[in-house]
Amino acid sequence: VQLQASGGGLVQPGGSLRLSCAASEFTLDSFRIGWFRQAPGKEREGVSCISGSGGPTYYADSVKGRFTISRDNAKNTVHLQMNSLKPEDAAVYYCAADPAVYAWGWAPPCTTEGMQYWGKGTLVTVSS
């Protein structure tokens, strides 16, 4: 089981990037998928999570209104569209998958707990 995160790079403040999380060997559409980030000297934090069971989509307060998580089931991929990027968004971004089955319409908090599969990170640098 492998996840592959891609799409990171260098962008100027105010710019946009779209990260992608692709899976091999399993189908993502029923998994809870999360995007996490870790900046140097900081703890890994949940950025956005999308439920596999119709539950709410989560965004960290710091990214609400700027980031959008979405699924492309045809391509077995989850995207994180990041707009209006700020220097404080710079970090290594990871995607992760939680295979647990939850009650329809419910999702746990967007933390690393339960995230069983992790991809290698992709670096996002926001600088002029």
C-alpha atoms as a PDB file:
ATOM      1  CA  VAL A   1       0.000   0.000   0.000  1.00  0.00           C
ATOM      2  CA  GLN A   2       1.562   3.229  -1.123  1.00  0.00           C
ATOM      3  CA  LEU A   3       0.527   6.845  -1.230  1.00  0.00           C
ATOM      4  CA  GLN A   4       2.308   9.336  -3.383  1.00  0.00           C
ATOM      5  CA  ALA A   5       2.065  13.048  -2.712  1.00  0.00           C
ATOM      6  CA  SER A   6       3.089  15.442  -5.442  1.00  0.00           C
ATOM      7  CA  GLY A   7       2.639  18.990  -6.617  1.00  0.00           C
ATOM      8  CA  GLY A   8       4.810  20.899  -4.213  1.00  0.00           C
ATOM      9  CA  GLY A   9       7.193  23.601  -5.304  1.00  0.00           C
ATOM     10  CA  LEU A  10       8.229  27.197  -4.966  1.00  0.00           C
ATOM     11  CA  VAL A  11       5.511  29.804  -5.235  1.00  0.00           C
ATOM     12  CA  GLN A  12       5.320  33.509  -4.470  1.00  0.00           C
ATOM     13  CA  PRO A  13       3.039  34.786  -1.719  1.00  0.00           C
ATOM     14  CA  GLY A  14      -0.478  34.996  -3.064  1.00  0.00           C
ATOM     15  CA  GLY A  15       0.149  32.202  -5.523  1.00  0.00           C
ATOM     16  CA  SER A  16      -1.469  28.794  -5.871  1.00  0.00           C
ATOM     17  CA  LEU A  17      -0.466  25.179  -5.917  1.00  0.00           C
ATOM     18  CA  ARG A  18      -2.422  21.976  -6.268  1.00  0.00           C
ATOM     19  CA  LEU A  19      -1.185  18.973  -4.374  1.00  0.00           C
ATOM     20  CA  SER A  20      -2.184  15.475  -5.375  1.00  0.00           C
ATOM     21  CA  CYS A  21      -2.292  12.270  -3.393  1.00  0.00           C
ATOM     22  CA  ALA A  22      -2.414   9.134  -5.485  1.00  0.00           C
ATOM     23  CA  ALA A  23      -2.657   5.557  -4.332  1.00  0.00           C
ATOM     24  CA  SER A  24      -1.495   2.285  -5.677  1.00  0.00           C
ATOM     25  CA  GLU A  25      -2.857  -1.097  -4.701  1.00  0.00           C
ATOM     26  CA  PHE A  26      -6.052   0.216  -3.107  1.00  0.00           C
ATOM     27  CA  THR A  27      -8.959   2.492  -3.928  1.00  0.00           C
ATOM     28  CA  LEU A  28      -9.120   5.778  -2.073  1.00  0.00           C
ATOM     29  CA  ASP A  29     -12.795   6.564  -2.412  1.00  0.00           C
ATOM     30  CA  SER A  30     -13.869   4.827   0.797  1.00  0.00           C
ATOM     31  CA  PHE A  31     -10.902   5.952   2.866  1.00  0.00           C
ATOM     32  CA  ARG A  32     -10.710   9.034   5.007  1.00  0.00           C
ATOM     33  CA  ILE A  33      -7.854  11.048   3.522  1.00  0.00           C
ATOM     34  CA  GLY A  34      -5.951  13.776   5.255  1.00  0.00           C
ATOM     35  CA  TRP A  35      -3.403  16.365   4.310  1.00  0.00           C
ATOM     36  CA  PHE A  36      -0.914  17.253   7.014  1.00  0.00           C
ATOM     37  CA  ARG A  37       2.024  19.596   7.061  1.00  0.00           C
ATOM     38  CA  GLN A  38       5.149  19.996   9.090  1.00  0.00           C
ATOM     39  CA  ALA A  39       7.357  23.048   9.119  1.00  0.00           C
ATOM     40  CA  PRO A  40      10.869  23.003  10.573  1.00  0.00           C
ATOM     41  CA  GLY A  41      10.780  22.938  14.350  1.00  0.00           C
ATOM     42  CA  LYS A  42       7.013  22.494  14.471  1.00  0.00           C
ATOM     43  CA  GLU A  43       4.708  19.596  15.056  1.00  0.00           C
ATOM     44  CA  ARG A  44       2.836  17.957  12.233  1.00  0.00           C
ATOM     45  CA  GLU A  45      -0.603  19.500  11.938  1.00  0.00           C
ATOM     46  CA  GLY A  46      -3.780  18.552  10.174  1.00  0.00           C
ATOM     47  CA  VAL A  47      -4.553  20.846   7.270  1.00  0.00           C
ATOM     48  CA  SER A  48      -7.603  19.205   5.748  1.00  0.00           C
ATOM     49  CA  CYS A  49      -9.388  15.881   5.887  1.00  0.00           C
ATOM     50  CA  ILE A  50     -12.072  14.439   3.667  1.00  0.00           C
ATOM     51  CA  SER A  51     -14.327  11.674   4.847  1.00  0.00           C
ATOM     52  CA  GLY A  52     -14.884   8.396   3.076  1.00  0.00           C
ATOM     53  CA  SER A  53     -18.303   8.003   4.647  1.00  0.00           C
ATOM     54  CA  GLY A  54     -20.151  11.198   3.897  1.00  0.00           C
ATOM     55  CA  GLY A  55     -18.899  12.963   6.984  1.00  0.00           C
ATOM     56  CA  PRO A  56     -17.865  16.592   7.241  1.00  0.00           C
ATOM     57  CA  THR A  57     -14.801  17.934   5.523  1.00  0.00           C
ATOM     58  CA  TYR A  58     -12.317  19.518   7.884  1.00  0.00           C
ATOM     59  CA  TYR A  59     -10.082  22.535   7.365  1.00  0.00           C
ATOM     60  CA  ALA A  60      -7.652  24.035   9.807  1.00  0.00           C
ATOM     61  CA  ASP A  61      -8.677  27.561  10.737  1.00  0.00           C
ATOM     62  CA  SER A  62      -5.490  28.901   9.198  1.00  0.00           C
ATOM     63  CA  VAL A  63      -6.440  27.619   5.720  1.00  0.00           C
ATOM     64  CA  LYS A  64     -10.226  28.025   5.652  1.00  0.00           C
ATOM     65  CA  GLY A  65     -11.370  29.886   2.598  1.00  0.00           C
ATOM     66  CA  ARG A  66      -8.026  29.381   0.851  1.00  0.00           C
ATOM     67  CA  PHE A  67      -7.589  25.610   0.587  1.00  0.00           C
ATOM     68  CA  THR A  68      -9.984  23.082  -0.902  1.00  0.00           C
ATOM     69  CA  ILE A  69      -9.759  19.321  -0.637  1.00  0.00           C
ATOM     70  CA  SER A  70     -11.432  17.181  -3.263  1.00  0.00           C
ATOM     71  CA  ARG A  71     -11.547  13.695  -4.669  1.00  0.00           C
ATOM     72  CA  ASP A  72     -11.065  12.543  -8.230  1.00  0.00           C
ATOM     73  CA  ASN A  73     -12.271   8.981  -7.949  1.00  0.00           C
ATOM     74  CA  ALA A  74     -11.706   8.292 -11.631  1.00  0.00           C
ATOM     75  CA  LYS A  75      -8.016   8.912 -11.078  1.00  0.00           C
ATOM     76  CA  ASN A  76      -7.929   7.478  -7.547  1.00  0.00           C
ATOM     77  CA  THR A  77      -6.537  10.780  -6.349  1.00  0.00           C
ATOM     78  CA  VAL A  78      -7.249  13.371  -3.668  1.00  0.00           C
ATOM     79  CA  HIS A  79      -6.268  16.948  -4.368  1.00  0.00           C
ATOM     80  CA  LEU A  80      -5.519  19.881  -2.129  1.00  0.00           C
ATOM     81  CA  GLN A  81      -5.980  23.150  -3.976  1.00  0.00           C
ATOM     82  CA  MET A  82      -4.059  25.855  -2.178  1.00  0.00           C
ATOM     83  CA  ASN A  83      -4.766  29.468  -3.086  1.00  0.00           C
ATOM     84  CA  SER A  84      -3.568  32.767  -1.658  1.00  0.00           C
ATOM     85  CA  LEU A  85      -0.544  31.073  -0.225  1.00  0.00           C
ATOM     86  CA  LYS A  86       1.287  32.739   2.620  1.00  0.00           C
ATOM     87  CA  PRO A  87       4.868  32.314   3.832  1.00  0.00           C
ATOM     88  CA  GLU A  88       3.500  30.546   6.903  1.00  0.00           C
ATOM     89  CA  ASP A  89       2.040  27.841   4.656  1.00  0.00           C
ATOM     90  CA  ALA A  90       5.544  26.706   3.773  1.00  0.00           C
ATOM     91  CA  ALA A  91       6.103  23.164   4.994  1.00  0.00           C
ATOM     92  CA  VAL A  92       6.447  19.594   3.926  1.00  0.00           C
ATOM     93  CA  TYR A  93       2.970  18.370   3.089  1.00  0.00           C
ATOM     94  CA  TYR A  94       1.971  14.751   3.614  1.00  0.00           C
ATOM     95  CA  CYS A  95      -1.107  12.844   2.645  1.00  0.00           C
ATOM     96  CA  ALA A  96      -2.397   9.996   4.737  1.00  0.00           C
ATOM     97  CA  ALA A  97      -5.194   7.456   4.609  1.00  0.00           C
ATOM     98  CA  ASP A  98      -7.407   6.033   7.316  1.00  0.00           C
ATOM     99  CA  PRO A  99      -9.008   2.722   6.304  1.00  0.00           C
ATOM    100  CA  ALA A 100     -11.439   2.540   9.240  1.00  0.00           C
ATOM    101  CA  VAL A 101     -15.147   2.360   8.531  1.00  0.00           C
ATOM    102  CA  TYR A 102     -17.168   5.028  10.323  1.00  0.00           C
ATOM    103  CA  ALA A 103     -20.858   5.619  10.673  1.00  0.00           C
ATOM    104  CA  TRP A 104     -22.288   7.326   7.647  1.00  0.00           C
ATOM    105  CA  GLY A 105     -22.184  11.096   8.065  1.00  0.00           C
ATOM    106  CA  TRP A 106     -19.580  11.091  10.820  1.00  0.00           C
ATOM    107  CA  ALA A 107     -15.834  11.617  10.760  1.00  0.00           C
ATOM    108  CA  PRO A 108     -13.260  11.875  13.543  1.00  0.00           C
ATOM    109  CA  PRO A 109     -11.147  14.990  14.031  1.00  0.00           C
ATOM    110  CA  CYS A 110      -8.454  15.639  11.478  1.00  0.00           C
ATOM    111  CA  THR A 111      -5.476  14.361  13.426  1.00  0.00           C
ATOM    112  CA  THR A 112      -2.824  11.785  12.740  1.00  0.00           C
ATOM    113  CA  GLU A 113      -4.717   9.284  14.892  1.00  0.00           C
ATOM    114  CA  GLY A 114      -6.073   6.523  12.719  1.00  0.00           C
ATOM    115  CA  MET A 115      -4.078   7.536   9.687  1.00  0.00           C
ATOM    116  CA  GLN A 116      -2.527   4.199   8.880  1.00  0.00           C
ATOM    117  CA  TYR A 117      -0.919   4.880   5.532  1.00  0.00           C
ATOM    118  CA  TRP A 118       1.391   7.761   4.789  1.00  0.00           C
ATOM    119  CA  GLY A 119       3.041   9.037   1.672  1.00  0.00           C
ATOM    120  CA  LYS A 120       6.374  10.737   1.432  1.00  0.00           C
ATOM    121  CA  GLY A 121       6.007  14.455   1.749  1.00  0.00           C
ATOM    122  CA  THR A 122       6.107  17.113  -0.888  1.00  0.00           C
ATOM    123  CA  LEU A 123       7.809  20.400  -0.109  1.00  0.00           C
ATOM    124  CA  VAL A 124       5.927  23.675  -0.433  1.00  0.00           C
ATOM    125  CA  THR A 125       8.001  26.848  -0.318  1.00  0.00           C
ATOM    126  CA  VAL A 126       6.316  30.242  -0.297  1.00  0.00           C
ATOM    127  CA  SER A 127       8.748  33.030  -0.869  1.00  0.00           C
ATOM    128  CA  SER A 128       9.265  36.083  -3.006  1.00  0.00           C
END
